[in-house]
Amino acid sequence: MTESELDKLYRKIFERLEELEFDISDAVIHFDEIFPKASSNDIYSGTEEIPFKYREKEYKLILKKEFL
């Protein structure tokens, strides 16, 4: 296919998409609608105060790479 043929094809596709007027948010299914909510005690809540020097080595490396 030549470039001009591809351009024509893309235009046709976009014209059809505009005709459909489809709202993608209608197609999204949220996880809370599929899976029941359950509280887990083993998930980190972010409320613990752990000094940086006592954190896991991998955690420290990631933060240092991200912010230094």
PDB file of N, CA and C in Angstrom:
ATOM      1  N   MET A   1       0.828  -1.175   0.000  1.00  0.00           N
ATOM      2  CA  MET A   1       0.000   0.000   0.000  1.00  0.00           C
ATOM      3  C   MET A   1       0.877   1.245   0.000  1.00  0.00           C
ATOM      4  N   THR A   2       0.493   2.210  -0.802  1.00  0.00           N
ATOM      5  CA  THR A   2       1.257   3.453  -0.838  1.00  0.00           C
ATOM      6  C   THR A   2       0.832   4.353   0.314  1.00  0.00           C
ATOM      7  N   GLU A   3       1.610   5.399   0.489  1.00  0.00           N
ATOM      8  CA  GLU A   3       1.326   6.314   1.600  1.00  0.00           C
ATOM      9  C   GLU A   3      -0.021   7.017   1.415  1.00  0.00           C
ATOM     10  N   SER A   4      -0.331   7.388   0.193  1.00  0.00           N
ATOM     11  CA  SER A   4      -1.607   8.066  -0.048  1.00  0.00           C
ATOM     12  C   SER A   4      -2.791   7.116   0.182  1.00  0.00           C
ATOM     13  N   GLU A   5      -2.617   5.846  -0.155  1.00  0.00           N
ATOM     14  CA  GLU A   5      -3.672   4.864   0.102  1.00  0.00           C
ATOM     15  C   GLU A   5      -3.886   4.672   1.599  1.00  0.00           C
ATOM     16  N   LEU A   6      -2.779   4.662   2.335  1.00  0.00           N
ATOM     17  CA  LEU A   6      -2.883   4.548   3.793  1.00  0.00           C
ATOM     18  C   LEU A   6      -3.575   5.766   4.381  1.00  0.00           C
ATOM     19  N   ASP A   7      -3.236   6.941   3.875  1.00  0.00           N
ATOM     20  CA  ASP A   7      -3.896   8.163   4.352  1.00  0.00           C
ATOM     21  C   ASP A   7      -5.396   8.097   4.116  1.00  0.00           C
ATOM     22  N   LYS A   8      -5.808   7.636   2.948  1.00  0.00           N
ATOM     23  CA  LYS A   8      -7.231   7.517   2.634  1.00  0.00           C
ATOM     24  C   LYS A   8      -7.907   6.522   3.575  1.00  0.00           C
ATOM     25  N   LEU A   9      -7.231   5.420   3.816  1.00  0.00           N
ATOM     26  CA  LEU A   9      -7.769   4.400   4.712  1.00  0.00           C
ATOM     27  C   LEU A   9      -7.935   4.955   6.129  1.00  0.00           C
ATOM     28  N   TYR A  10      -6.906   5.665   6.627  1.00  0.00           N
ATOM     29  CA  TYR A  10      -6.987   6.278   7.954  1.00  0.00           C
ATOM     30  C   TYR A  10      -8.137   7.272   8.024  1.00  0.00           C
ATOM     31  N   ARG A  11      -8.297   8.088   6.997  1.00  0.00           N
ATOM     32  CA  ARG A  11      -9.394   9.060   6.983  1.00  0.00           C
ATOM     33  C   ARG A  11     -10.738   8.361   7.064  1.00  0.00           C
ATOM     34  N   LYS A  12     -10.890   7.270   6.297  1.00  0.00           N
ATOM     35  CA  LYS A  12     -12.153   6.520   6.337  1.00  0.00           C
ATOM     36  C   LYS A  12     -12.414   5.956   7.731  1.00  0.00           C
ATOM     37  N   ILE A  13     -11.369   5.428   8.327  1.00  0.00           N
ATOM     38  CA  ILE A  13     -11.508   4.843   9.668  1.00  0.00           C
ATOM     39  C   ILE A  13     -11.933   5.911  10.664  1.00  0.00           C
ATOM     40  N   PHE A  14     -11.259   7.070  10.642  1.00  0.00           N
ATOM     41  CA  PHE A  14     -11.591   8.132  11.583  1.00  0.00           C
ATOM     42  C   PHE A  14     -12.979   8.704  11.328  1.00  0.00           C
ATOM     43  N   GLU A  15     -13.387   8.766  10.070  1.00  0.00           N
ATOM     44  CA  GLU A  15     -14.746   9.224   9.766  1.00  0.00           C
ATOM     45  C   GLU A  15     -15.772   8.273  10.358  1.00  0.00           C
ATOM     46  N   ARG A  16     -15.519   6.986  10.233  1.00  0.00           N
ATOM     47  CA  ARG A  16     -16.443   5.985  10.806  1.00  0.00           C
ATOM     48  C   ARG A  16     -16.488   6.067  12.320  1.00  0.00           C
ATOM     49  N   LEU A  17     -15.327   6.277  12.931  1.00  0.00           N
ATOM     50  CA  LEU A  17     -15.273   6.401  14.389  1.00  0.00           C
ATOM     51  C   LEU A  17     -16.062   7.613  14.866  1.00  0.00           C
ATOM     52  N   GLU A  18     -15.958   8.707  14.137  1.00  0.00           N
ATOM     53  CA  GLU A  18     -16.721   9.901  14.499  1.00  0.00           C
ATOM     54  C   GLU A  18     -18.219   9.656  14.365  1.00  0.00           C
ATOM     55  N   GLU A  19     -18.612   8.859  13.381  1.00  0.00           N
ATOM     56  CA  GLU A  19     -20.026   8.540  13.180  1.00  0.00           C
ATOM     57  C   GLU A  19     -20.578   7.707  14.337  1.00  0.00           C
ATOM     58  N   LEU A  20     -19.739   6.852  14.887  1.00  0.00           N
ATOM     59  CA  LEU A  20     -20.194   5.962  15.951  1.00  0.00           C
ATOM     60  C   LEU A  20     -20.468   6.711  17.246  1.00  0.00           C
ATOM     61  N   GLU A  21     -19.752   7.803  17.502  1.00  0.00           N
ATOM     62  CA  GLU A  21     -19.890   8.573  18.730  1.00  0.00           C
ATOM     63  C   GLU A  21     -19.899   7.661  19.961  1.00  0.00           C
ATOM     64  N   PHE A  22     -18.907   6.862  20.055  1.00  0.00           N
ATOM     65  CA  PHE A  22     -18.776   5.897  21.142  1.00  0.00           C
ATOM     66  C   PHE A  22     -18.020   6.521  22.297  1.00  0.00           C
ATOM     67  N   ASP A  23     -18.569   6.430  23.479  1.00  0.00           N
ATOM     68  CA  ASP A  23     -17.911   6.940  24.680  1.00  0.00           C
ATOM     69  C   ASP A  23     -17.213   5.770  25.371  1.00  0.00           C
ATOM     70  N   ILE A  24     -15.895   5.803  25.388  1.00  0.00           N
ATOM     71  CA  ILE A  24     -15.110   4.685  25.937  1.00  0.00           C
ATOM     72  C   ILE A  24     -15.402   4.466  27.421  1.00  0.00           C
ATOM     73  N   SER A  25     -15.802   5.492  28.140  1.00  0.00           N
ATOM     74  CA  SER A  25     -16.074   5.316  29.571  1.00  0.00           C
ATOM     75  C   SER A  25     -17.263   4.383  29.809  1.00  0.00           C
ATOM     76  N   ASP A  26     -18.117   4.220  28.809  1.00  0.00           N
ATOM     77  CA  ASP A  26     -19.216   3.266  28.936  1.00  0.00           C
ATOM     78  C   ASP A  26     -18.728   1.823  28.874  1.00  0.00           C
ATOM     79  N   ALA A  27     -17.570   1.616  28.264  1.00  0.00           N
ATOM     80  CA  ALA A  27     -17.034   0.265  28.095  1.00  0.00           C
ATOM     81  C   ALA A  27     -16.121  -0.154  29.243  1.00  0.00           C
ATOM     82  N   VAL A  28     -15.781   0.762  30.109  1.00  0.00           N
ATOM     83  CA  VAL A  28     -14.880   0.459  31.215  1.00  0.00           C
ATOM     84  C   VAL A  28     -15.660  -0.196  32.345  1.00  0.00           C
ATOM     85  N   ILE A  29     -15.136  -1.322  32.806  1.00  0.00           N
ATOM     86  CA  ILE A  29     -15.740  -2.012  33.947  1.00  0.00           C
ATOM     87  C   ILE A  29     -14.774  -1.861  35.116  1.00  0.00           C
ATOM     88  N   HIS A  30     -15.235  -1.237  36.160  1.00  0.00           N
ATOM     89  CA  HIS A  30     -14.380  -0.985  37.315  1.00  0.00           C
ATOM     90  C   HIS A  30     -14.189  -2.262  38.131  1.00  0.00           C
ATOM     91  N   PHE A  31     -13.003  -2.375  38.727  1.00  0.00           N
ATOM     92  CA  PHE A  31     -12.687  -3.564  39.510  1.00  0.00           C
ATOM     93  C   PHE A  31     -13.660  -3.775  40.657  1.00  0.00           C
ATOM     94  N   ASP A  32     -14.126  -2.672  41.282  1.00  0.00           N
ATOM     95  CA  ASP A  32     -15.031  -2.875  42.417  1.00  0.00           C
ATOM     96  C   ASP A  32     -16.369  -3.445  41.976  1.00  0.00           C
ATOM     97  N   GLU A  33     -16.698  -3.337  40.696  1.00  0.00           N
ATOM     98  CA  GLU A  33     -17.938  -3.937  40.217  1.00  0.00           C
ATOM     99  C   GLU A  33     -17.773  -5.442  39.964  1.00  0.00           C
ATOM    100  N   ILE A  34     -16.547  -5.867  39.741  1.00  0.00           N
ATOM    101  CA  ILE A  34     -16.277  -7.282  39.449  1.00  0.00           C
ATOM    102  C   ILE A  34     -15.922  -8.059  40.713  1.00  0.00           C
ATOM    103  N   PHE A  35     -15.010  -7.493  41.495  1.00  0.00           N
ATOM    104  CA  PHE A  35     -14.510  -8.182  42.682  1.00  0.00           C
ATOM    105  C   PHE A  35     -15.069  -7.533  43.947  1.00  0.00           C
ATOM    106  N   PRO A  36     -15.489  -8.336  44.882  1.00  0.00           N
ATOM    107  CA  PRO A  36     -15.988  -7.755  46.140  1.00  0.00           C
ATOM    108  C   PRO A  36     -14.833  -7.128  46.929  1.00  0.00           C
ATOM    109  N   LYS A  37     -15.155  -6.079  47.655  1.00  0.00           N
ATOM    110  CA  LYS A  37     -14.124  -5.420  48.456  1.00  0.00           C
ATOM    111  C   LYS A  37     -13.849  -6.252  49.700  1.00  0.00           C
ATOM    112  N   ALA A  38     -12.569  -6.391  50.007  1.00  0.00           N
ATOM    113  CA  ALA A  38     -12.166  -7.122  51.212  1.00  0.00           C
ATOM    114  C   ALA A  38     -11.008  -6.379  51.848  1.00  0.00           C
ATOM    115  N   SER A  39     -11.041  -6.243  53.128  1.00  0.00           N
ATOM    116  CA  SER A  39      -9.930  -5.580  53.799  1.00  0.00           C
ATOM    117  C   SER A  39      -8.818  -6.596  54.034  1.00  0.00           C
ATOM    118  N   SER A  40      -7.611  -6.156  53.812  1.00  0.00           N
ATOM    119  CA  SER A  40      -6.451  -7.024  53.999  1.00  0.00           C
ATOM    120  C   SER A  40      -5.531  -6.405  55.026  1.00  0.00           C
ATOM    121  N   ASN A  41      -5.181  -7.181  56.019  1.00  0.00           N
ATOM    122  CA  ASN A  41      -4.285  -6.681  57.054  1.00  0.00           C
ATOM    123  C   ASN A  41      -2.828  -6.727  56.630  1.00  0.00           C
ATOM    124  N   ASP A  42      -2.514  -7.459  55.572  1.00  0.00           N
ATOM    125  CA  ASP A  42      -1.120  -7.617  55.183  1.00  0.00           C
ATOM    126  C   ASP A  42      -0.663  -6.564  54.162  1.00  0.00           C
ATOM    127  N   ILE A  43      -1.531  -5.648  53.771  1.00  0.00           N
ATOM    128  CA  ILE A  43      -1.152  -4.622  52.814  1.00  0.00           C
ATOM    129  C   ILE A  43      -0.682  -3.397  53.570  1.00  0.00           C
ATOM    130  N   TYR A  44       0.430  -2.833  53.113  1.00  0.00           N
ATOM    131  CA  TYR A  44       1.011  -1.664  53.770  1.00  0.00           C
ATOM    132  C   TYR A  44       0.055  -0.490  53.653  1.00  0.00           C
ATOM    133  N   SER A  45      -0.289   0.088  54.774  1.00  0.00           N
ATOM    134  CA  SER A  45      -1.264   1.180  54.789  1.00  0.00           C
ATOM    135  C   SER A  45      -0.616   2.554  54.679  1.00  0.00           C
ATOM    136  N   GLY A  46       0.678   2.634  54.889  1.00  0.00           N
ATOM    137  CA  GLY A  46       1.370   3.911  54.804  1.00  0.00           C
ATOM    138  C   GLY A  46       1.387   4.673  56.105  1.00  0.00           C
ATOM    139  N   THR A  47       0.825   4.103  57.152  1.00  0.00           N
ATOM    140  CA  THR A  47       0.775   4.821  58.430  1.00  0.00           C
ATOM    141  C   THR A  47       1.970   4.513  59.331  1.00  0.00           C
ATOM    142  N   GLU A  48       2.739   3.478  59.005  1.00  0.00           N
ATOM    143  CA  GLU A  48       3.897   3.152  59.833  1.00  0.00           C
ATOM    144  C   GLU A  48       4.990   4.186  59.611  1.00  0.00           C
ATOM    145  N   GLU A  49       5.717   4.497  60.658  1.00  0.00           N
ATOM    146  CA  GLU A  49       6.827   5.432  60.552  1.00  0.00           C
ATOM    147  C   GLU A  49       8.127   4.645  60.649  1.00  0.00           C
ATOM    148  N   ILE A  50       8.663   4.254  59.502  1.00  0.00           N
ATOM    149  CA  ILE A  50       9.894   3.486  59.451  1.00  0.00           C
ATOM    150  C   ILE A  50      11.006   4.410  58.977  1.00  0.00           C
ATOM    151  N   PRO A  51      12.052   4.618  59.807  1.00  0.00           N
ATOM    152  CA  PRO A  51      13.167   5.468  59.377  1.00  0.00           C
ATOM    153  C   PRO A  51      13.822   4.905  58.106  1.00  0.00           C
ATOM    154  N   PHE A  52      14.302   5.791  57.265  1.00  0.00           N
ATOM    155  CA  PHE A  52      14.877   5.384  55.983  1.00  0.00           C
ATOM    156  C   PHE A  52      15.988   4.359  56.151  1.00  0.00           C
ATOM    157  N   LYS A  53      16.825   4.531  57.184  1.00  0.00           N
ATOM    158  CA  LYS A  53      17.958   3.612  57.350  1.00  0.00           C
ATOM    159  C   LYS A  53      17.517   2.182  57.674  1.00  0.00           C
ATOM    160  N   TYR A  54      16.278   1.992  58.122  1.00  0.00           N
ATOM    161  CA  TYR A  54      15.785   0.649  58.440  1.00  0.00           C
ATOM    162  C   TYR A  54      14.923   0.048  57.313  1.00  0.00           C
ATOM    163  N   ARG A  55      14.785   0.763  56.232  1.00  0.00           N
ATOM    164  CA  ARG A  55      13.981   0.256  55.114  1.00  0.00           C
ATOM    165  C   ARG A  55      14.726  -0.845  54.377  1.00  0.00           C
ATOM    166  N   GLU A  56      13.997  -1.601  53.553  1.00  0.00           N
ATOM    167  CA  GLU A  56      14.604  -2.653  52.726  1.00  0.00           C
ATOM    168  C   GLU A  56      15.613  -2.027  51.756  1.00  0.00           C
ATOM    169  N   LYS A  57      16.648  -2.778  51.445  1.00  0.00           N
ATOM    170  CA  LYS A  57      17.709  -2.280  50.568  1.00  0.00           C
ATOM    171  C   LYS A  57      17.154  -1.910  49.189  1.00  0.00           C
ATOM    172  N   GLU A  58      16.308  -2.746  48.641  1.00  0.00           N
ATOM    173  CA  GLU A  58      15.731  -2.488  47.313  1.00  0.00           C
ATOM    174  C   GLU A  58      14.899  -1.202  47.312  1.00  0.00           C
ATOM    175  N   TYR A  59      14.149  -0.989  48.359  1.00  0.00           N
ATOM    176  CA  TYR A  59      13.335   0.225  48.504  1.00  0.00           C
ATOM    177  C   TYR A  59      14.229   1.460  48.499  1.00  0.00           C
ATOM    178  N   LYS A  60      15.317   1.405  49.269  1.00  0.00           N
ATOM    179  CA  LYS A  60      16.230   2.539  49.342  1.00  0.00           C
ATOM    180  C   LYS A  60      16.861   2.826  47.983  1.00  0.00           C
ATOM    181  N   LEU A  61      17.251   1.776  47.256  1.00  0.00           N
ATOM    182  CA  LEU A  61      17.849   1.970  45.939  1.00  0.00           C
ATOM    183  C   LEU A  61      16.872   2.634  44.965  1.00  0.00           C
ATOM    184  N   ILE A  62      15.633   2.193  44.998  1.00  0.00           N
ATOM    185  CA  ILE A  62      14.626   2.767  44.106  1.00  0.00           C
ATOM    186  C   ILE A  62      14.418   4.248  44.413  1.00  0.00           C
ATOM    187  N   LEU A  63      14.273   4.585  45.674  1.00  0.00           N
ATOM    188  CA  LEU A  63      14.061   5.984  46.048  1.00  0.00           C
ATOM    189  C   LEU A  63      15.275   6.851  45.691  1.00  0.00           C
ATOM    190  N   LYS A  64      16.457   6.324  45.921  1.00  0.00           N
ATOM    191  CA  LYS A  64      17.658   7.100  45.593  1.00  0.00           C
ATOM    192  C   LYS A  64      17.753   7.358  44.088  1.00  0.00           C
ATOM    193  N   LYS A  65      17.448   6.343  43.280  1.00  0.00           N
ATOM    194  CA  LYS A  65      17.483   6.525  41.830  1.00  0.00           C
ATOM    195  C   LYS A  65      16.418   7.521  41.369  1.00  0.00           C
ATOM    196  N   GLU A  66      15.284   7.490  42.023  1.00  0.00           N
ATOM    197  CA  GLU A  66      14.164   8.333  41.622  1.00  0.00           C
ATOM    198  C   GLU A  66      14.376   9.794  41.980  1.00  0.00           C
ATOM    199  N   PHE A  67      14.938  10.063  43.142  1.00  0.00           N
ATOM    200  CA  PHE A  67      14.977  11.426  43.638  1.00  0.00           C
ATOM    201  C   PHE A  67      16.361  12.055  43.713  1.00  0.00           C
ATOM    202  N   LEU A  68      17.407  11.320  43.422  1.00  0.00           N
ATOM    203  CA  LEU A  68      18.747  11.932  43.463  1.00  0.00           C
ATOM    204  C   LEU A  68      19.288  12.131  42.083  1.00  0.00           C
TER     205      LEU A  68
END
